[in-house]
Amino acid sequence: MADTCIFCKIINKELKSTIVYEDEDILAFKDLNPVASTHLLFIPKKHIESMNTLEVSDANLIGKLLIKISEIANEKGLSKNGYRVVANTGRDGGQTVFHLHFHLLAGRSLHWPPG
């Protein structure tokens, strides 16, 4: 875990967040700067910097995380009109917090390309 990582601080309850799901491996919370009416962040509790640093040993964790995104999207009724899941990777990819995270976006038409 990185001592300066904002998401690690949220995991450790050093910073407040609006948590929508938590288990021993995953934390999901509302984005502080939403770009859609539903904008949730899903993070592994294990500090993984980005998609670039994933290892084969992370496969079960990331699979579990993606399934949880789908379950919560279904629970919130987002499947009917659709939603987007995004993982920005690296500075040019738009990553601003270097702890792997997935954005769940829904509640408006999400155009392509995303900008």
C-alpha atoms as a PDB file:
ATOM      1  CA  MET A   1       0.000   0.000   0.000  1.00  0.00           C
ATOM      2  CA  ALA A   2       1.267   3.453  -0.858  1.00  0.00           C
ATOM      3  CA  ASP A   3       1.276   5.870   2.092  1.00  0.00           C
ATOM      4  CA  THR A   4       0.305   8.824  -0.069  1.00  0.00           C
ATOM      5  CA  CYS A   5      -2.364   7.095  -2.166  1.00  0.00           C
ATOM      6  CA  ILE A   6      -5.735   8.793  -1.735  1.00  0.00           C
ATOM      7  CA  PHE A   7      -7.615   5.560  -2.440  1.00  0.00           C
ATOM      8  CA  CYS A   8      -5.561   3.669   0.153  1.00  0.00           C
ATOM      9  CA  LYS A   9      -6.510   6.400   2.626  1.00  0.00           C
ATOM     10  CA  ILE A  10     -10.185   5.882   1.741  1.00  0.00           C
ATOM     11  CA  ILE A  11      -9.764   2.115   2.215  1.00  0.00           C
ATOM     12  CA  ASN A  12      -8.219   2.754   5.648  1.00  0.00           C
ATOM     13  CA  LYS A  13     -11.035   5.188   6.533  1.00  0.00           C
ATOM     14  CA  GLU A  14      -8.536   8.034   6.875  1.00  0.00           C
ATOM     15  CA  LEU A  15     -10.605   9.998   4.343  1.00  0.00           C
ATOM     16  CA  LYS A  16     -14.380  10.066   4.123  1.00  0.00           C
ATOM     17  CA  SER A  17     -16.275   8.697   1.166  1.00  0.00           C
ATOM     18  CA  THR A  18     -19.804   7.577   0.412  1.00  0.00           C
ATOM     19  CA  ILE A  19     -19.342   3.827   0.309  1.00  0.00           C
ATOM     20  CA  VAL A  20     -21.860   1.819  -1.718  1.00  0.00           C
ATOM     21  CA  TYR A  21     -20.200  -1.596  -1.333  1.00  0.00           C
ATOM     22  CA  GLU A  22     -17.374  -3.116   0.668  1.00  0.00           C
ATOM     23  CA  ASP A  23     -16.008  -6.580   1.308  1.00  0.00           C
ATOM     24  CA  GLU A  24     -12.572  -7.946   2.209  1.00  0.00           C
ATOM     25  CA  ASP A  25     -11.182  -7.320  -1.301  1.00  0.00           C
ATOM     26  CA  ILE A  26     -13.197  -4.506  -2.906  1.00  0.00           C
ATOM     27  CA  LEU A  27     -14.439  -1.026  -2.095  1.00  0.00           C
ATOM     28  CA  ALA A  28     -16.969   0.917  -4.171  1.00  0.00           C
ATOM     29  CA  PHE A  29     -17.860   4.531  -3.509  1.00  0.00           C
ATOM     30  CA  LYS A  30     -19.382   7.610  -5.141  1.00  0.00           C
ATOM     31  CA  ASP A  31     -17.014   9.735  -7.203  1.00  0.00           C
ATOM     32  CA  LEU A  32     -16.472  13.185  -5.673  1.00  0.00           C
ATOM     33  CA  ASN A  33     -16.589  14.798  -9.124  1.00  0.00           C
ATOM     34  CA  PRO A  34     -19.299  12.869 -10.987  1.00  0.00           C
ATOM     35  CA  VAL A  35     -19.624  13.189 -14.753  1.00  0.00           C
ATOM     36  CA  ALA A  36     -22.929  11.301 -14.877  1.00  0.00           C
ATOM     37  CA  SER A  37     -25.870  10.942 -12.489  1.00  0.00           C
ATOM     38  CA  THR A  38     -24.436   7.548 -11.517  1.00  0.00           C
ATOM     39  CA  HIS A  39     -20.656   7.679 -11.156  1.00  0.00           C
ATOM     40  CA  LEU A  40     -19.168   5.064  -8.865  1.00  0.00           C
ATOM     41  CA  LEU A  41     -15.561   4.022  -8.390  1.00  0.00           C
ATOM     42  CA  PHE A  42     -14.618   0.384  -7.767  1.00  0.00           C
ATOM     43  CA  ILE A  43     -11.175  -0.332  -6.379  1.00  0.00           C
ATOM     44  CA  PRO A  44      -9.286  -3.373  -5.184  1.00  0.00           C
ATOM     45  CA  LYS A  45      -8.184  -2.986  -1.581  1.00  0.00           C
ATOM     46  CA  LYS A  46      -4.810  -4.316  -2.678  1.00  0.00           C
ATOM     47  CA  HIS A  47      -2.754  -1.402  -3.966  1.00  0.00           C
ATOM     48  CA  ILE A  48      -2.230  -1.992  -7.685  1.00  0.00           C
ATOM     49  CA  GLU A  49      -0.948   1.081  -9.500  1.00  0.00           C
ATOM     50  CA  SER A  50      -2.688   0.561 -12.852  1.00  0.00           C
ATOM     51  CA  MET A  51      -3.646  -1.924 -15.556  1.00  0.00           C
ATOM     52  CA  ASN A  52       0.048  -1.888 -16.495  1.00  0.00           C
ATOM     53  CA  THR A  53       1.080  -3.448 -13.196  1.00  0.00           C
ATOM     54  CA  LEU A  54      -1.503  -6.250 -13.014  1.00  0.00           C
ATOM     55  CA  GLU A  55      -0.055  -9.698 -12.458  1.00  0.00           C
ATOM     56  CA  VAL A  56      -1.480 -13.140 -13.217  1.00  0.00           C
ATOM     57  CA  SER A  57      -2.008 -13.564  -9.477  1.00  0.00           C
ATOM     58  CA  ASP A  58      -4.489 -10.637  -9.592  1.00  0.00           C
ATOM     59  CA  ALA A  59      -6.847 -12.428 -12.005  1.00  0.00           C
ATOM     60  CA  ASN A  60      -9.323 -13.670  -9.379  1.00  0.00           C
ATOM     61  CA  LEU A  61      -9.415 -10.301  -7.634  1.00  0.00           C
ATOM     62  CA  ILE A  62     -10.067  -8.354 -10.838  1.00  0.00           C
ATOM     63  CA  GLY A  63     -12.624 -10.917 -12.007  1.00  0.00           C
ATOM     64  CA  LYS A  64     -14.452 -10.592  -8.677  1.00  0.00           C
ATOM     65  CA  LEU A  65     -14.352  -6.798  -8.976  1.00  0.00           C
ATOM     66  CA  LEU A  66     -15.814  -6.807 -12.498  1.00  0.00           C
ATOM     67  CA  ILE A  67     -18.581  -9.204 -11.475  1.00  0.00           C
ATOM     68  CA  LYS A  68     -19.421  -6.913  -8.534  1.00  0.00           C
ATOM     69  CA  ILE A  69     -19.683  -3.960 -10.936  1.00  0.00           C
ATOM     70  CA  SER A  70     -22.178  -5.941 -13.000  1.00  0.00           C
ATOM     71  CA  GLU A  71     -24.167  -6.983  -9.924  1.00  0.00           C
ATOM     72  CA  ILE A  72     -24.434  -3.439  -8.601  1.00  0.00           C
ATOM     73  CA  ALA A  73     -25.341  -2.094 -12.046  1.00  0.00           C
ATOM     74  CA  ASN A  74     -28.142  -4.668 -12.196  1.00  0.00           C
ATOM     75  CA  GLU A  75     -29.294  -3.885  -8.630  1.00  0.00           C
ATOM     76  CA  LYS A  76     -29.476  -0.175  -9.480  1.00  0.00           C
ATOM     77  CA  GLY A  77     -31.461  -0.876 -12.661  1.00  0.00           C
ATOM     78  CA  LEU A  78     -28.720   0.448 -14.929  1.00  0.00           C
ATOM     79  CA  SER A  79     -28.778  -2.536 -17.281  1.00  0.00           C
ATOM     80  CA  LYS A  80     -32.004  -1.429 -18.958  1.00  0.00           C
ATOM     81  CA  ASN A  81     -30.536   1.675 -20.610  1.00  0.00           C
ATOM     82  CA  GLY A  82     -26.879   0.735 -20.357  1.00  0.00           C
ATOM     83  CA  TYR A  83     -23.758   1.885 -18.597  1.00  0.00           C
ATOM     84  CA  ARG A  84     -20.041   2.293 -19.186  1.00  0.00           C
ATOM     85  CA  VAL A  85     -17.100   0.844 -17.256  1.00  0.00           C
ATOM     86  CA  VAL A  86     -13.795   2.669 -17.693  1.00  0.00           C
ATOM     87  CA  ALA A  87     -10.271   2.066 -16.398  1.00  0.00           C
ATOM     88  CA  ASN A  88      -7.974   4.933 -17.322  1.00  0.00           C
ATOM     89  CA  THR A  89      -4.339   3.864 -17.547  1.00  0.00           C
ATOM     90  CA  GLY A  90      -1.363   6.220 -17.415  1.00  0.00           C
ATOM     91  CA  ARG A  91      -1.292   9.992 -17.678  1.00  0.00           C
ATOM     92  CA  ASP A  92      -2.193  10.122 -21.382  1.00  0.00           C
ATOM     93  CA  GLY A  93      -5.006   7.641 -20.679  1.00  0.00           C
ATOM     94  CA  GLY A  94      -6.498  10.069 -18.159  1.00  0.00           C
ATOM     95  CA  GLN A  95      -5.406   8.318 -14.955  1.00  0.00           C
ATOM     96  CA  THR A  96      -5.076  10.864 -12.151  1.00  0.00           C
ATOM     97  CA  VAL A  97      -5.022   8.532  -9.128  1.00  0.00           C
ATOM     98  CA  PHE A  98      -2.424   5.804  -9.455  1.00  0.00           C
ATOM     99  CA  HIS A  99      -4.392   3.051  -7.745  1.00  0.00           C
ATOM    100  CA  LEU A 100      -6.257   0.827 -10.197  1.00  0.00           C
ATOM    101  CA  HIS A 101      -9.906   1.834 -10.318  1.00  0.00           C
ATOM    102  CA  PHE A 102     -12.925   1.314 -12.513  1.00  0.00           C
ATOM    103  CA  HIS A 103     -15.523   4.011 -13.160  1.00  0.00           C
ATOM    104  CA  LEU A 104     -19.153   2.907 -13.466  1.00  0.00           C
ATOM    105  CA  LEU A 105     -20.992   5.622 -15.404  1.00  0.00           C
ATOM    106  CA  ALA A 106     -24.706   5.712 -16.173  1.00  0.00           C
ATOM    107  CA  GLY A 107     -27.751   7.916 -16.233  1.00  0.00           C
ATOM    108  CA  ARG A 108     -27.092   9.807 -19.450  1.00  0.00           C
ATOM    109  CA  SER A 109     -26.189   9.055 -23.043  1.00  0.00           C
ATOM    110  CA  LEU A 110     -22.466   8.337 -23.159  1.00  0.00           C
ATOM    111  CA  HIS A 111     -21.104   9.216 -26.577  1.00  0.00           C
ATOM    112  CA  TRP A 112     -18.179   7.703 -28.459  1.00  0.00           C
ATOM    113  CA  PRO A 113     -15.364   8.552 -28.716  1.00  0.00           C
ATOM    114  CA  PRO A 114     -15.263   9.705 -25.097  1.00  0.00           C
ATOM    115  CA  GLY A 115     -13.027  12.753 -25.605  1.00  0.00           C
END
